[in-house]
Amino acid sequence: MGLMSFGASANFDSNIPSPCVPLRSADDDPHIEFWSSSSPINYVTANDTPYAHNEVAQWGVASRAERDEAGFESSIEKLCSDALAEVRAAGFPHLLRMRNHFPGIHTQHADLDRHQRFYIGRQRAFDRHQVGSENELRAATMIGTQSGDITLNYLAARGAGEAFENPRQISAYRYSEQYGPASPASLRSLLKHRRDVTQLDSSGTASIVGHASRHQLPNEQLDEIACNLRALIIQASAESGIDFYLGQHAHLHVYARDSYDVPALRAPLQATLPTAPALFFVSDSCRRDLGIEVEAFIWSSPHV
């Protein structure tokens, strides 16, 4: 249905949504992430943006160059509003996951970081399209790149997913204004049943308990993140009746602000989660006081 390339552009059919995210992997090798389908795929273009869909889901990407800080919120509002209009018009009204990449995540304008202004612009789009209920939120990750455009990638479906929150953390959509005028309107995780497997996607998970940041040392942050992921999976498994594990049926993206932290993180991650494949990227996360964030894609064992 589409692909995302990290660190190097990939030459594919122009009809296929295939953004290149200027995000450096810790090993300096380019990576390509494929989103595939066993069903026939249709490719369409709307608002000069390519999308792909099968009978149950749509995969899309939208990007925009924005160098004017004063126009950043308006750019986010337009990108999100166009995406919402497209998925609804195409019959895929339920957003399951969004991944948001843009540079200068901590660049300030009018006393607010870019990531805080991102939430303002997105909330305006949500208000315009009357996205108001918690049932309409999705799993989401926001990652700071070293350069490039604003890039929004999403997966939408005809049917809604099943939301799960982390009992160790306050829901992000309930954060107070101390973290910005608009809350991060996203879920900790979302479960979606597919034909022969069930997928649980976690949003970017950081070293946060309640709503407060914890720990300064990278390895301690990683331990807290592992505790949060385990708690989330236990909650989702108990409520759904499906067993999920951070093992061979999981895939992790680990985002570290400083490249020199990565070698020190590989060993504890392997000790904590020995069978979960992981890719390490050098990037900024939302909170200035935290240098690590992890997003997880977890699948149940294939149905028999």
Protein backbone atom coordinates (compact mmCIF):
# COMPACT_ATOMS: atom_id res chain seq x y z
CA MET A 1 0.00 0.00 0.00
CA GLY A 2 2.88 2.31 0.67
CA LEU A 3 6.29 2.65 2.17
CA MET A 4 8.32 5.00 4.30
CA SER A 5 12.02 5.37 3.70
CA PHE A 6 14.25 6.66 6.47
CA GLY A 7 17.51 8.32 5.55
CA ALA A 8 17.40 7.81 1.78
CA SER A 9 14.80 8.19 -0.93
CA ALA A 10 13.43 5.12 -2.65
CA ASN A 11 12.57 5.06 -6.34
CA PHE A 12 9.11 3.57 -6.67
CA ASP A 13 6.06 4.15 -8.81
CA SER A 14 4.93 7.73 -8.24
CA ASN A 15 1.39 6.50 -7.57
CA ILE A 16 2.55 4.70 -4.43
CA PRO A 17 2.63 6.85 -1.28
CA SER A 18 6.33 6.77 -0.46
CA PRO A 19 7.59 9.63 1.71
CA CYS A 20 11.26 9.93 2.57
CA VAL A 21 11.74 10.97 6.18
CA PRO A 22 15.13 12.60 6.85
CA LEU A 23 15.66 10.65 10.01
CA ARG A 24 19.08 9.13 10.58
CA SER A 25 19.26 5.59 11.87
CA ALA A 26 21.81 4.91 14.59
CA ASP A 27 23.79 2.63 12.27
CA ASP A 28 23.67 5.23 9.45
CA ASP A 29 22.01 2.72 7.13
CA PRO A 30 18.84 3.69 5.25
CA HIS A 31 15.71 1.73 6.15
CA ILE A 32 12.51 1.19 4.21
CA GLU A 33 9.26 0.30 5.96
CA PHE A 34 6.68 -1.43 3.75
CA TRP A 35 2.94 -1.41 4.41
CA SER A 36 1.56 -4.29 2.39
CA SER A 37 -1.81 -5.82 1.62
CA SER A 38 -2.89 -9.28 0.51
CA SER A 39 -5.99 -7.70 -1.09
CA PRO A 40 -6.14 -5.65 -4.30
CA ILE A 41 -4.94 -2.07 -3.86
CA ASN A 42 -6.26 1.10 -5.48
CA TYR A 43 -4.11 4.22 -5.80
CA VAL A 44 -5.70 7.67 -5.83
CA THR A 45 -4.57 11.28 -5.59
CA ALA A 46 -6.38 14.06 -3.75
CA ASN A 47 -5.09 17.54 -2.92
CA ASP A 48 -1.94 16.61 -4.87
CA THR A 49 -1.31 13.84 -2.34
CA PRO A 50 -1.19 10.10 -3.13
CA TYR A 51 -3.22 7.61 -1.12
CA ALA A 52 -3.67 3.85 -1.32
CA HIS A 53 -6.53 1.68 -0.10
CA ASN A 54 -7.88 -1.84 -0.16
CA GLU A 55 -11.39 -2.88 0.87
CA VAL A 56 -10.88 -2.15 4.58
CA ALA A 57 -8.13 0.44 5.09
CA GLN A 58 -6.45 3.48 3.60
CA TRP A 59 -2.80 4.44 3.91
CA GLY A 60 -1.82 8.00 3.17
CA VAL A 61 0.85 10.58 3.54
CA ALA A 62 0.80 14.35 3.30
CA SER A 63 3.73 16.74 3.45
CA ARG A 64 4.36 20.44 3.26
CA ALA A 65 7.40 22.67 3.44
CA GLU A 66 7.04 25.35 6.08
CA ARG A 67 9.84 27.73 6.90
CA ASP A 68 7.74 30.56 8.33
CA GLU A 69 7.25 29.96 12.04
CA ALA A 70 4.19 32.20 12.09
CA GLY A 71 2.51 29.91 9.55
CA PHE A 72 3.35 26.61 11.20
CA GLU A 73 0.01 26.11 12.97
CA SER A 74 -1.92 26.95 9.80
CA SER A 75 0.13 24.39 7.85
CA ILE A 76 -0.64 21.69 10.41
CA GLU A 77 -4.32 22.63 10.36
CA LYS A 78 -4.46 22.35 6.56
CA LEU A 79 -2.58 19.02 6.39
CA CYS A 80 -4.74 17.44 9.10
CA SER A 81 -7.95 18.91 7.70
CA ASP A 82 -7.16 17.63 4.18
CA ALA A 83 -6.40 14.16 5.57
CA LEU A 84 -9.66 14.05 7.54
CA ALA A 85 -11.65 15.22 4.53
CA GLU A 86 -10.03 12.58 2.31
CA VAL A 87 -10.56 9.59 4.62
CA ARG A 88 -14.19 10.51 5.21
CA ALA A 89 -14.92 11.12 1.54
CA ALA A 90 -13.29 7.79 0.65
CA GLY A 91 -15.28 5.85 3.26
CA PHE A 92 -12.49 5.26 5.79
CA PRO A 93 -13.59 7.58 8.61
CA HIS A 94 -11.71 5.94 11.47
CA LEU A 95 -8.10 7.00 11.93
CA LEU A 96 -6.12 4.20 13.56
CA ARG A 97 -2.64 5.62 13.61
CA MET A 98 -0.79 8.82 12.79
CA ARG A 99 2.94 9.41 12.67
CA ASN A 100 4.06 13.01 12.51
CA HIS A 101 7.59 14.02 11.49
CA PHE A 102 8.95 17.56 11.26
CA PRO A 103 12.16 19.46 12.05
CA GLY A 104 12.72 21.96 14.82
CA ILE A 105 10.37 20.28 17.26
CA HIS A 106 11.60 22.60 20.03
CA THR A 107 11.85 25.77 17.95
CA GLN A 108 9.99 28.50 19.80
CA HIS A 109 7.58 31.10 18.50
CA ALA A 110 5.26 33.19 20.67
CA ASP A 111 6.58 31.36 23.76
CA LEU A 112 5.51 27.93 22.49
CA ASP A 113 7.51 25.04 21.07
CA ARG A 114 6.68 23.74 17.61
CA HIS A 115 5.29 20.52 19.09
CA GLN A 116 2.87 22.54 21.24
CA ARG A 117 1.81 24.57 18.20
CA PHE A 118 1.36 21.33 16.25
CA TYR A 119 -1.32 20.32 18.75
CA ILE A 120 -3.03 23.70 18.35
CA GLY A 121 -3.16 23.37 14.57
CA ARG A 122 -4.35 19.77 14.73
CA GLN A 123 -7.07 20.65 17.26
CA ARG A 124 -8.36 23.34 14.92
CA ALA A 125 -8.66 20.70 12.19
CA PHE A 126 -10.39 18.33 14.62
CA ASP A 127 -12.84 21.06 15.61
CA ARG A 128 -13.57 21.87 11.95
CA HIS A 129 -14.38 18.21 11.26
CA GLN A 130 -16.12 17.70 14.61
CA VAL A 131 -13.67 15.14 15.96
CA GLY A 132 -14.68 15.48 19.55
CA SER A 133 -15.16 12.17 21.25
CA GLU A 134 -12.47 9.99 22.81
CA ASN A 135 -13.73 7.19 20.57
CA GLU A 136 -12.49 9.13 17.53
CA LEU A 137 -8.88 9.47 18.72
CA ARG A 138 -6.02 7.33 17.46
CA ALA A 139 -2.55 6.13 18.40
CA ALA A 140 0.01 8.74 17.38
CA THR A 141 3.72 9.45 17.48
CA MET A 142 5.48 12.78 17.00
CA ILE A 143 9.15 12.69 16.06
CA GLY A 144 11.59 15.51 15.40
CA THR A 145 13.70 15.18 12.27
CA GLN A 146 17.03 16.82 11.48
CA SER A 147 15.66 18.56 8.37
CA GLY A 148 12.96 18.31 5.73
CA ASP A 149 9.26 19.03 5.48
CA ILE A 150 6.31 18.46 7.77
CA THR A 151 5.23 14.88 7.00
CA LEU A 152 2.03 13.31 8.29
CA ASN A 153 1.45 9.61 7.71
CA TYR A 154 -1.76 7.85 8.68
CA LEU A 155 -3.66 4.58 8.54
CA ALA A 156 -7.46 4.82 8.42
CA ALA A 157 -10.13 2.14 8.25
CA ARG A 158 -13.82 1.57 7.62
CA GLY A 159 -14.25 0.23 11.16
CA ALA A 160 -13.04 1.69 14.43
CA GLY A 161 -10.22 0.26 16.49
CA GLU A 162 -10.33 -0.60 20.17
CA ALA A 163 -8.61 1.87 22.50
CA PHE A 164 -6.47 0.96 25.51
CA GLU A 165 -4.84 3.29 27.98
CA ASN A 166 -1.91 2.76 30.33
CA PRO A 167 -2.87 2.41 34.02
CA ARG A 168 0.51 3.94 34.98
CA GLN A 169 -0.11 7.13 33.00
CA ILE A 170 -2.70 9.86 32.69
CA SER A 171 -4.30 9.74 29.28
CA ALA A 172 -2.54 12.21 26.99
CA TYR A 173 -5.85 13.80 25.94
CA ARG A 174 -6.41 14.68 29.62
CA TYR A 175 -3.14 16.58 30.09
CA SER A 176 -3.45 19.97 31.73
CA GLU A 177 -2.45 23.25 30.09
CA GLN A 178 0.96 23.11 31.76
CA TYR A 179 2.00 21.11 28.69
CA GLY A 180 0.47 23.53 26.21
CA PRO A 181 -2.82 25.21 25.23
CA ALA A 182 -4.03 22.10 23.35
CA SER A 183 -3.64 18.55 24.63
CA PRO A 184 -1.97 15.71 22.69
CA ALA A 185 -5.28 14.32 21.45
CA SER A 186 -4.13 10.74 21.06
CA LEU A 187 -4.43 7.33 22.69
CA ARG A 188 -1.74 5.26 24.36
CA SER A 189 -2.59 2.33 22.07
CA LEU A 190 -5.15 1.08 19.60
CA LEU A 191 -6.08 -2.50 18.71
CA LYS A 192 -7.33 -3.53 15.29
CA HIS A 193 -8.52 -6.97 14.19
CA ARG A 194 -7.27 -8.01 10.77
CA ARG A 195 -8.05 -11.08 8.72
CA ASP A 196 -5.72 -13.56 10.46
CA VAL A 197 -4.02 -11.53 13.15
CA THR A 198 -4.74 -8.76 15.65
CA GLN A 199 -2.44 -5.75 15.78
CA LEU A 200 -1.81 -3.53 18.81
CA ASP A 201 -0.08 -0.24 18.03
CA SER A 202 1.34 1.83 20.84
CA SER A 203 1.91 5.53 20.52
CA GLY A 204 5.32 6.95 21.26
CA THR A 205 6.03 5.91 24.86
CA ALA A 206 8.39 7.91 27.07
CA SER A 207 9.64 7.77 30.65
CA ILE A 208 6.46 9.28 32.10
CA VAL A 209 4.51 8.15 35.15
CA GLY A 210 1.18 9.86 35.71
CA HIS A 211 1.96 12.94 33.67
CA ALA A 212 5.44 13.66 35.07
CA SER A 213 8.78 12.99 33.38
CA ARG A 214 11.01 10.56 35.24
CA HIS A 215 14.80 10.05 35.26
CA GLN A 216 17.70 11.81 33.62
CA LEU A 217 19.95 8.90 32.67
CA PRO A 218 19.08 7.22 29.37
CA ASN A 219 19.21 3.66 30.70
CA GLU A 220 16.86 4.59 33.56
CA GLN A 221 14.46 6.20 31.09
CA LEU A 222 14.55 3.03 29.01
CA ASP A 223 13.70 0.89 32.06
CA GLU A 224 10.69 3.11 32.80
CA ILE A 225 9.58 2.91 29.18
CA ALA A 226 9.76 -0.89 29.33
CA CYS A 227 7.57 -0.82 32.47
CA ASN A 228 5.06 1.39 30.66
CA LEU A 229 4.95 -0.87 27.62
CA ARG A 230 4.47 -3.97 29.77
CA ALA A 231 1.66 -2.31 31.73
CA LEU A 232 -0.02 -1.26 28.49
CA ILE A 233 0.22 -4.78 27.05
CA ILE A 234 -1.07 -6.39 30.23
CA GLN A 235 -4.05 -4.00 30.17
CA ALA A 236 -4.78 -4.64 26.50
CA SER A 237 -4.42 -8.42 26.89
CA ALA A 238 -6.72 -8.50 29.93
CA GLU A 239 -9.44 -6.37 28.32
CA SER A 240 -9.31 -7.92 24.85
CA GLY A 241 -8.74 -11.54 25.87
CA ILE A 242 -5.86 -11.71 23.37
CA ASP A 243 -2.31 -12.45 24.50
CA PHE A 244 0.27 -9.89 23.38
CA TYR A 245 3.99 -10.08 24.11
CA LEU A 246 6.98 -7.84 23.51
CA GLY A 247 8.72 -10.69 21.72
CA GLN A 248 9.11 -12.05 18.25
CA HIS A 249 5.70 -10.73 17.17
CA ALA A 250 6.64 -7.15 18.07
CA HIS A 251 8.66 -4.48 16.33
CA LEU A 252 10.12 -1.44 18.11
CA HIS A 253 11.30 1.96 16.94
CA VAL A 254 13.63 3.51 19.52
CA TYR A 255 14.21 7.24 19.16
CA ALA A 256 17.23 8.70 20.99
CA ARG A 257 18.14 12.38 20.97
CA ASP A 258 21.87 11.78 21.25
CA SER A 259 23.62 9.26 19.03
CA TYR A 260 26.24 8.53 21.68
CA ASP A 261 23.46 7.15 23.93
CA VAL A 262 22.54 4.41 21.47
CA PRO A 263 25.41 1.96 22.15
CA ALA A 264 24.65 2.17 25.86
CA LEU A 265 20.96 1.45 25.20
CA ARG A 266 21.30 -1.61 22.99
CA ALA A 267 22.52 -3.98 25.72
CA PRO A 268 19.87 -3.11 28.35
CA LEU A 269 17.13 -3.22 25.72
CA GLN A 270 18.26 -6.66 24.60
CA ALA A 271 18.37 -7.81 28.23
CA THR A 272 14.94 -6.37 28.98
CA LEU A 273 13.22 -7.33 25.71
CA PRO A 274 15.52 -10.00 24.26
CA THR A 275 13.41 -11.16 21.33
CA ALA A 276 11.79 -7.92 20.14
CA PRO A 277 13.42 -6.56 16.97
CA ALA A 278 14.30 -2.88 17.29
CA LEU A 279 15.50 -0.08 15.07
CA PHE A 280 17.30 2.88 16.62
CA PHE A 281 16.93 6.40 15.22
CA VAL A 282 18.51 9.70 16.20
CA SER A 283 15.74 12.23 16.73
CA ASP A 284 14.10 14.67 19.10
CA SER A 285 11.02 13.84 21.14
CA CYS A 286 8.35 16.15 22.54
CA ARG A 287 9.71 16.81 26.01
CA ARG A 288 13.00 18.64 26.39
CA ASP A 289 13.81 16.79 29.62
CA LEU A 290 13.47 13.32 28.06
CA GLY A 291 15.83 11.95 25.44
CA ILE A 292 14.23 8.61 24.54
CA GLU A 293 10.92 7.51 23.10
CA VAL A 294 9.77 4.09 21.89
CA GLU A 295 6.86 3.13 19.65
CA ALA A 296 5.80 -0.49 19.34
CA PHE A 297 3.88 -2.52 16.79
CA ILE A 298 2.69 -5.78 18.37
CA TRP A 299 0.88 -8.65 16.71
CA SER A 300 -0.97 -11.58 18.22
CA SER A 301 0.07 -15.05 17.12
CA PRO A 302 -1.54 -15.85 13.76
CA HIS A 303 -5.03 -17.28 14.13
CA VAL A 304 -5.39 -20.98 13.31
